[in-house]
Amino acid sequence: MMRKGLAGQRLVAVFFAGILLFDFPLLSLFDRPLRVWGVPLLHFYVFVVWAALILVIAWIAERGAR
């Protein structure tokens, strides 16, 4: 059983990872005229990272609830 403190620490770490992943210097790396499956690379990056953060948060929340 995971302690609530550990789950909270992991959520804080995911929060800071999200801040870094959506920070301008990293976003500017993906602001290119490329397309992935017809979607601009920057939009693809934002939605993939956003979905990944949601999945990680859900995994931490479910694991912490047990």
PDB file of N, CA and C in Angstrom:
ATOM      1  N   MET A   1       0.848  -1.184   0.000  1.00  0.00           N
ATOM      2  CA  MET A   1       0.000   0.000   0.000  1.00  0.00           C
ATOM      3  C   MET A   1       0.885   1.236   0.000  1.00  0.00           C
ATOM      4  N   MET A   2       0.599   2.148  -0.892  1.00  0.00           N
ATOM      5  CA  MET A   2       1.406   3.350  -1.012  1.00  0.00           C
ATOM      6  C   MET A   2       0.920   4.400  -0.015  1.00  0.00           C
ATOM      7  N   ARG A   3       1.858   5.065   0.607  1.00  0.00           N
ATOM      8  CA  ARG A   3       1.501   6.131   1.532  1.00  0.00           C
ATOM      9  C   ARG A   3       0.992   7.326   0.739  1.00  0.00           C
ATOM     10  N   LYS A   4       0.110   8.098   1.383  1.00  0.00           N
ATOM     11  CA  LYS A   4      -0.433   9.277   0.712  1.00  0.00           C
ATOM     12  C   LYS A   4       0.661  10.291   0.432  1.00  0.00           C
ATOM     13  N   GLY A   5       1.649  10.368   1.298  1.00  0.00           N
ATOM     14  CA  GLY A   5       2.740  11.315   1.097  1.00  0.00           C
ATOM     15  C   GLY A   5       3.518  11.015  -0.166  1.00  0.00           C
ATOM     16  N   LEU A   6       3.740   9.735  -0.429  1.00  0.00           N
ATOM     17  CA  LEU A   6       4.476   9.346  -1.629  1.00  0.00           C
ATOM     18  C   LEU A   6       3.670   9.660  -2.888  1.00  0.00           C
ATOM     19  N   ALA A   7       2.374   9.407  -2.844  1.00  0.00           N
ATOM     20  CA  ALA A   7       1.525   9.727  -3.995  1.00  0.00           C
ATOM     21  C   ALA A   7       1.512  11.233  -4.228  1.00  0.00           C
ATOM     22  N   GLY A   8       1.442  11.992  -3.159  1.00  0.00           N
ATOM     23  CA  GLY A   8       1.465  13.446  -3.286  1.00  0.00           C
ATOM     24  C   GLY A   8       2.770  13.942  -3.879  1.00  0.00           C
ATOM     25  N   GLN A   9       3.867  13.342  -3.453  1.00  0.00           N
ATOM     26  CA  GLN A   9       5.171  13.724  -3.990  1.00  0.00           C
ATOM     27  C   GLN A   9       5.262  13.396  -5.478  1.00  0.00           C
ATOM     28  N   ARG A  10       4.711  12.277  -5.856  1.00  0.00           N
ATOM     29  CA  ARG A  10       4.728  11.904  -7.272  1.00  0.00           C
ATOM     30  C   ARG A  10       3.870  12.855  -8.102  1.00  0.00           C
ATOM     31  N   LEU A  11       2.726  13.261  -7.555  1.00  0.00           N
ATOM     32  CA  LEU A  11       1.876  14.209  -8.276  1.00  0.00           C
ATOM     33  C   LEU A  11       2.560  15.564  -8.428  1.00  0.00           C
ATOM     34  N   VAL A  12       3.284  15.984  -7.401  1.00  0.00           N
ATOM     35  CA  VAL A  12       4.037  17.240  -7.499  1.00  0.00           C
ATOM     36  C   VAL A  12       5.121  17.108  -8.563  1.00  0.00           C
ATOM     37  N   ALA A  13       5.779  15.956  -8.620  1.00  0.00           N
ATOM     38  CA  ALA A  13       6.811  15.732  -9.639  1.00  0.00           C
ATOM     39  C   ALA A  13       6.207  15.770 -11.040  1.00  0.00           C
ATOM     40  N   VAL A  14       5.023  15.191 -11.213  1.00  0.00           N
ATOM     41  CA  VAL A  14       4.350  15.220 -12.520  1.00  0.00           C
ATOM     42  C   VAL A  14       3.964  16.655 -12.876  1.00  0.00           C
ATOM     43  N   PHE A  15       3.543  17.421 -11.883  1.00  0.00           N
ATOM     44  CA  PHE A  15       3.203  18.825 -12.114  1.00  0.00           C
ATOM     45  C   PHE A  15       4.406  19.593 -12.652  1.00  0.00           C
ATOM     46  N   PHE A  16       5.556  19.433 -11.992  1.00  0.00           N
ATOM     47  CA  PHE A  16       6.751  20.139 -12.445  1.00  0.00           C
ATOM     48  C   PHE A  16       7.244  19.616 -13.799  1.00  0.00           C
ATOM     49  N   ALA A  17       7.078  18.326 -14.040  1.00  0.00           N
ATOM     50  CA  ALA A  17       7.429  17.784 -15.358  1.00  0.00           C
ATOM     51  C   ALA A  17       6.539  18.406 -16.429  1.00  0.00           C
ATOM     52  N   GLY A  18       5.259  18.580 -16.121  1.00  0.00           N
ATOM     53  CA  GLY A  18       4.343  19.221 -17.061  1.00  0.00           C
ATOM     54  C   GLY A  18       4.735  20.655 -17.348  1.00  0.00           C
ATOM     55  N   ILE A  19       5.153  21.367 -16.303  1.00  0.00           N
ATOM     56  CA  ILE A  19       5.611  22.744 -16.510  1.00  0.00           C
ATOM     57  C   ILE A  19       6.805  22.765 -17.450  1.00  0.00           C
ATOM     58  N   LEU A  20       7.751  21.868 -17.230  1.00  0.00           N
ATOM     59  CA  LEU A  20       8.941  21.830 -18.086  1.00  0.00           C
ATOM     60  C   LEU A  20       8.602  21.410 -19.514  1.00  0.00           C
ATOM     61  N   LEU A  21       7.707  20.437 -19.653  1.00  0.00           N
ATOM     62  CA  LEU A  21       7.358  19.951 -20.989  1.00  0.00           C
ATOM     63  C   LEU A  21       6.569  20.974 -21.804  1.00  0.00           C
ATOM     64  N   PHE A  22       5.857  21.877 -21.120  1.00  0.00           N
ATOM     65  CA  PHE A  22       5.091  22.900 -21.821  1.00  0.00           C
ATOM     66  C   PHE A  22       5.759  24.268 -21.766  1.00  0.00           C
ATOM     67  N   ASP A  23       7.019  24.312 -21.360  1.00  0.00           N
ATOM     68  CA  ASP A  23       7.764  25.563 -21.309  1.00  0.00           C
ATOM     69  C   ASP A  23       8.188  25.964 -22.722  1.00  0.00           C
ATOM     70  N   PHE A  24       8.355  27.274 -22.930  1.00  0.00           N
ATOM     71  CA  PHE A  24       8.630  27.779 -24.276  1.00  0.00           C
ATOM     72  C   PHE A  24       9.867  27.177 -24.939  1.00  0.00           C
ATOM     73  N   PRO A  25      11.018  27.082 -24.268  1.00  0.00           N
ATOM     74  CA  PRO A  25      12.189  26.563 -25.000  1.00  0.00           C
ATOM     75  C   PRO A  25      11.961  25.168 -25.587  1.00  0.00           C
ATOM     76  N   LEU A  26      11.279  24.318 -24.851  1.00  0.00           N
ATOM     77  CA  LEU A  26      11.027  22.973 -25.372  1.00  0.00           C
ATOM     78  C   LEU A  26       9.956  22.998 -26.465  1.00  0.00           C
ATOM     79  N   LEU A  27       8.929  23.814 -26.279  1.00  0.00           N
ATOM     80  CA  LEU A  27       7.894  23.920 -27.313  1.00  0.00           C
ATOM     81  C   LEU A  27       8.466  24.455 -28.621  1.00  0.00           C
ATOM     82  N   SER A  28       9.437  25.348 -28.518  1.00  0.00           N
ATOM     83  CA  SER A  28      10.007  25.929 -29.741  1.00  0.00           C
ATOM     84  C   SER A  28      10.757  24.887 -30.568  1.00  0.00           C
ATOM     85  N   LEU A  29      11.218  23.813 -29.929  1.00  0.00           N
ATOM     86  CA  LEU A  29      11.877  22.742 -30.677  1.00  0.00           C
ATOM     87  C   LEU A  29      10.914  22.034 -31.624  1.00  0.00           C
ATOM     88  N   PHE A  30       9.631  22.042 -31.270  1.00  0.00           N
ATOM     89  CA  PHE A  30       8.625  21.338 -32.061  1.00  0.00           C
ATOM     90  C   PHE A  30       7.840  22.265 -32.983  1.00  0.00           C
ATOM     91  N   ASP A  31       8.179  23.536 -32.993  1.00  0.00           N
ATOM     92  CA  ASP A  31       7.495  24.492 -33.865  1.00  0.00           C
ATOM     93  C   ASP A  31       8.167  24.494 -35.235  1.00  0.00           C
ATOM     94  N   ARG A  32       7.949  23.430 -35.963  1.00  0.00           N
ATOM     95  CA  ARG A  32       8.547  23.231 -37.288  1.00  0.00           C
ATOM     96  C   ARG A  32       7.434  22.996 -38.309  1.00  0.00           C
ATOM     97  N   PRO A  33       7.705  23.247 -39.570  1.00  0.00           N
ATOM     98  CA  PRO A  33       6.669  23.020 -40.596  1.00  0.00           C
ATOM     99  C   PRO A  33       6.547  21.544 -40.989  1.00  0.00           C
ATOM    100  N   LEU A  34       6.561  20.658 -40.031  1.00  0.00           N
ATOM    101  CA  LEU A  34       6.395  19.223 -40.284  1.00  0.00           C
ATOM    102  C   LEU A  34       4.990  18.805 -39.874  1.00  0.00           C
ATOM    103  N   ARG A  35       4.544  17.718 -40.450  1.00  0.00           N
ATOM    104  CA  ARG A  35       3.218  17.195 -40.099  1.00  0.00           C
ATOM    105  C   ARG A  35       3.333  15.724 -39.728  1.00  0.00           C
ATOM    106  N   VAL A  36       2.587  15.345 -38.704  1.00  0.00           N
ATOM    107  CA  VAL A  36       2.501  13.953 -38.272  1.00  0.00           C
ATOM    108  C   VAL A  36       1.050  13.538 -38.469  1.00  0.00           C
ATOM    109  N   TRP A  37       0.819  12.623 -39.394  1.00  0.00           N
ATOM    110  CA  TRP A  37      -0.532  12.185 -39.759  1.00  0.00           C
ATOM    111  C   TRP A  37      -1.421  13.377 -40.112  1.00  0.00           C
ATOM    112  N   GLY A  38      -0.847  14.366 -40.776  1.00  0.00           N
ATOM    113  CA  GLY A  38      -1.602  15.536 -41.208  1.00  0.00           C
ATOM    114  C   GLY A  38      -1.773  16.611 -40.155  1.00  0.00           C
ATOM    115  N   VAL A  39      -1.228  16.401 -38.971  1.00  0.00           N
ATOM    116  CA  VAL A  39      -1.342  17.362 -37.874  1.00  0.00           C
ATOM    117  C   VAL A  39       0.007  18.053 -37.708  1.00  0.00           C
ATOM    118  N   PRO A  40       0.014  19.373 -37.533  1.00  0.00           N
ATOM    119  CA  PRO A  40       1.297  20.051 -37.316  1.00  0.00           C
ATOM    120  C   PRO A  40       2.045  19.463 -36.116  1.00  0.00           C
ATOM    121  N   LEU A  41       3.353  19.410 -36.214  1.00  0.00           N
ATOM    122  CA  LEU A  41       4.183  18.769 -35.195  1.00  0.00           C
ATOM    123  C   LEU A  41       3.968  19.364 -33.809  1.00  0.00           C
ATOM    124  N   LEU A  42       3.851  20.673 -33.710  1.00  0.00           N
ATOM    125  CA  LEU A  42       3.656  21.312 -32.406  1.00  0.00           C
ATOM    126  C   LEU A  42       2.351  20.866 -31.766  1.00  0.00           C
ATOM    127  N   HIS A  43       1.277  20.821 -32.552  1.00  0.00           N
ATOM    128  CA  HIS A  43      -0.015  20.383 -32.008  1.00  0.00           C
ATOM    129  C   HIS A  43       0.042  18.916 -31.596  1.00  0.00           C
ATOM    130  N   PHE A  44       0.684  18.113 -32.405  1.00  0.00           N
ATOM    131  CA  PHE A  44       0.831  16.692 -32.081  1.00  0.00           C
ATOM    132  C   PHE A  44       1.579  16.523 -30.762  1.00  0.00           C
ATOM    133  N   TYR A  45       2.683  17.253 -30.589  1.00  0.00           N
ATOM    134  CA  TYR A  45       3.471  17.185 -29.355  1.00  0.00           C
ATOM    135  C   TYR A  45       2.627  17.590 -28.147  1.00  0.00           C
ATOM    136  N   VAL A  46       1.909  18.702 -28.265  1.00  0.00           N
ATOM    137  CA  VAL A  46       1.112  19.198 -27.137  1.00  0.00           C
ATOM    138  C   VAL A  46       0.061  18.170 -26.730  1.00  0.00           C
ATOM    139  N   PHE A  47      -0.653  17.601 -27.685  1.00  0.00           N
ATOM    140  CA  PHE A  47      -1.704  16.650 -27.345  1.00  0.00           C
ATOM    141  C   PHE A  47      -1.147  15.330 -26.820  1.00  0.00           C
ATOM    142  N   VAL A  48      -0.027  14.866 -27.341  1.00  0.00           N
ATOM    143  CA  VAL A  48       0.575  13.621 -26.846  1.00  0.00           C
ATOM    144  C   VAL A  48       1.084  13.808 -25.420  1.00  0.00           C
ATOM    145  N   VAL A  49       1.759  14.915 -25.160  1.00  0.00           N
ATOM    146  CA  VAL A  49       2.266  15.169 -23.805  1.00  0.00           C
ATOM    147  C   VAL A  49       1.110  15.361 -22.839  1.00  0.00           C
ATOM    148  N   TRP A  50       0.082  16.078 -23.265  1.00  0.00           N
ATOM    149  CA  TRP A  50      -1.087  16.302 -22.427  1.00  0.00           C
ATOM    150  C   TRP A  50      -1.746  14.965 -22.056  1.00  0.00           C
ATOM    151  N   ALA A  51      -1.937  14.095 -23.035  1.00  0.00           N
ATOM    152  CA  ALA A  51      -2.535  12.784 -22.778  1.00  0.00           C
ATOM    153  C   ALA A  51      -1.641  11.939 -21.877  1.00  0.00           C
ATOM    154  N   ALA A  52      -0.333  11.998 -22.091  1.00  0.00           N
ATOM    155  CA  ALA A  52       0.595  11.225 -21.262  1.00  0.00           C
ATOM    156  C   ALA A  52       0.547  11.701 -19.817  1.00  0.00           C
ATOM    157  N   LEU A  53       0.484  13.007 -19.598  1.00  0.00           N
ATOM    158  CA  LEU A  53       0.398  13.525 -18.231  1.00  0.00           C
ATOM    159  C   LEU A  53      -0.896  13.080 -17.557  1.00  0.00           C
ATOM    160  N   ILE A  54      -1.994  13.090 -18.287  1.00  0.00           N
ATOM    161  CA  ILE A  54      -3.267  12.637 -17.722  1.00  0.00           C
ATOM    162  C   ILE A  54      -3.188  11.160 -17.349  1.00  0.00           C
ATOM    163  N   LEU A  55      -2.601  10.343 -18.211  1.00  0.00           N
ATOM    164  CA  LEU A  55      -2.471   8.911 -17.916  1.00  0.00           C
ATOM    165  C   LEU A  55      -1.588   8.669 -16.696  1.00  0.00           C
ATOM    166  N   VAL A  56      -0.501   9.406 -16.580  1.00  0.00           N
ATOM    167  CA  VAL A  56       0.394   9.241 -15.426  1.00  0.00           C
ATOM    168  C   VAL A  56      -0.314   9.668 -14.146  1.00  0.00           C
ATOM    169  N   ILE A  57      -1.052  10.772 -14.191  1.00  0.00           N
ATOM    170  CA  ILE A  57      -1.790  11.225 -13.009  1.00  0.00           C
ATOM    171  C   ILE A  57      -2.848  10.197 -12.620  1.00  0.00           C
ATOM    172  N   ALA A  58      -3.553   9.644 -13.592  1.00  0.00           N
ATOM    173  CA  ALA A  58      -4.563   8.619 -13.299  1.00  0.00           C
ATOM    174  C   ALA A  58      -3.920   7.382 -12.699  1.00  0.00           C
ATOM    175  N   TRP A  59      -2.769   6.990 -13.224  1.00  0.00           N
ATOM    176  CA  TRP A  59      -2.062   5.818 -12.696  1.00  0.00           C
ATOM    177  C   TRP A  59      -1.641   6.056 -11.248  1.00  0.00           C
ATOM    178  N   ILE A  60      -1.125   7.233 -10.953  1.00  0.00           N
ATOM    179  CA  ILE A  60      -0.713   7.553  -9.580  1.00  0.00           C
ATOM    180  C   ILE A  60      -1.926   7.577  -8.661  1.00  0.00           C
ATOM    181  N   ALA A  61      -3.024   8.167  -9.113  1.00  0.00           N
ATOM    182  CA  ALA A  61      -4.227   8.247  -8.288  1.00  0.00           C
ATOM    183  C   ALA A  61      -4.802   6.859  -8.014  1.00  0.00           C
ATOM    184  N   GLU A  62      -4.840   6.000  -9.023  1.00  0.00           N
ATOM    185  CA  GLU A  62      -5.365   4.644  -8.829  1.00  0.00           C
ATOM    186  C   GLU A  62      -4.461   3.827  -7.921  1.00  0.00           C
ATOM    187  N   ARG A  63      -3.193   3.953  -8.121  1.00  0.00           N
ATOM    188  CA  ARG A  63      -2.254   3.190  -7.302  1.00  0.00           C
ATOM    189  C   ARG A  63      -2.279   3.675  -5.855  1.00  0.00           C
ATOM    190  N   GLY A  64      -2.477   4.974  -5.662  1.00  0.00           N
ATOM    191  CA  GLY A  64      -2.538   5.525  -4.312  1.00  0.00           C
ATOM    192  C   GLY A  64      -3.828   5.176  -3.599  1.00  0.00           C
ATOM    193  N   ALA A  65      -4.892   4.870  -4.346  1.00  0.00           N
ATOM    194  CA  ALA A  65      -6.187   4.550  -3.743  1.00  0.00           C
ATOM    195  C   ALA A  65      -6.226   3.137  -3.182  1.00  0.00           C
ATOM    196  N   ARG A  66      -5.303   2.298  -3.582  1.00  0.00           N
ATOM    197  CA  ARG A  66      -5.310   0.902  -3.116  1.00  0.00           C
ATOM    198  C   ARG A  66      -4.704   0.769  -1.750  1.00  0.00           C
TER     199      ARG A  66
END
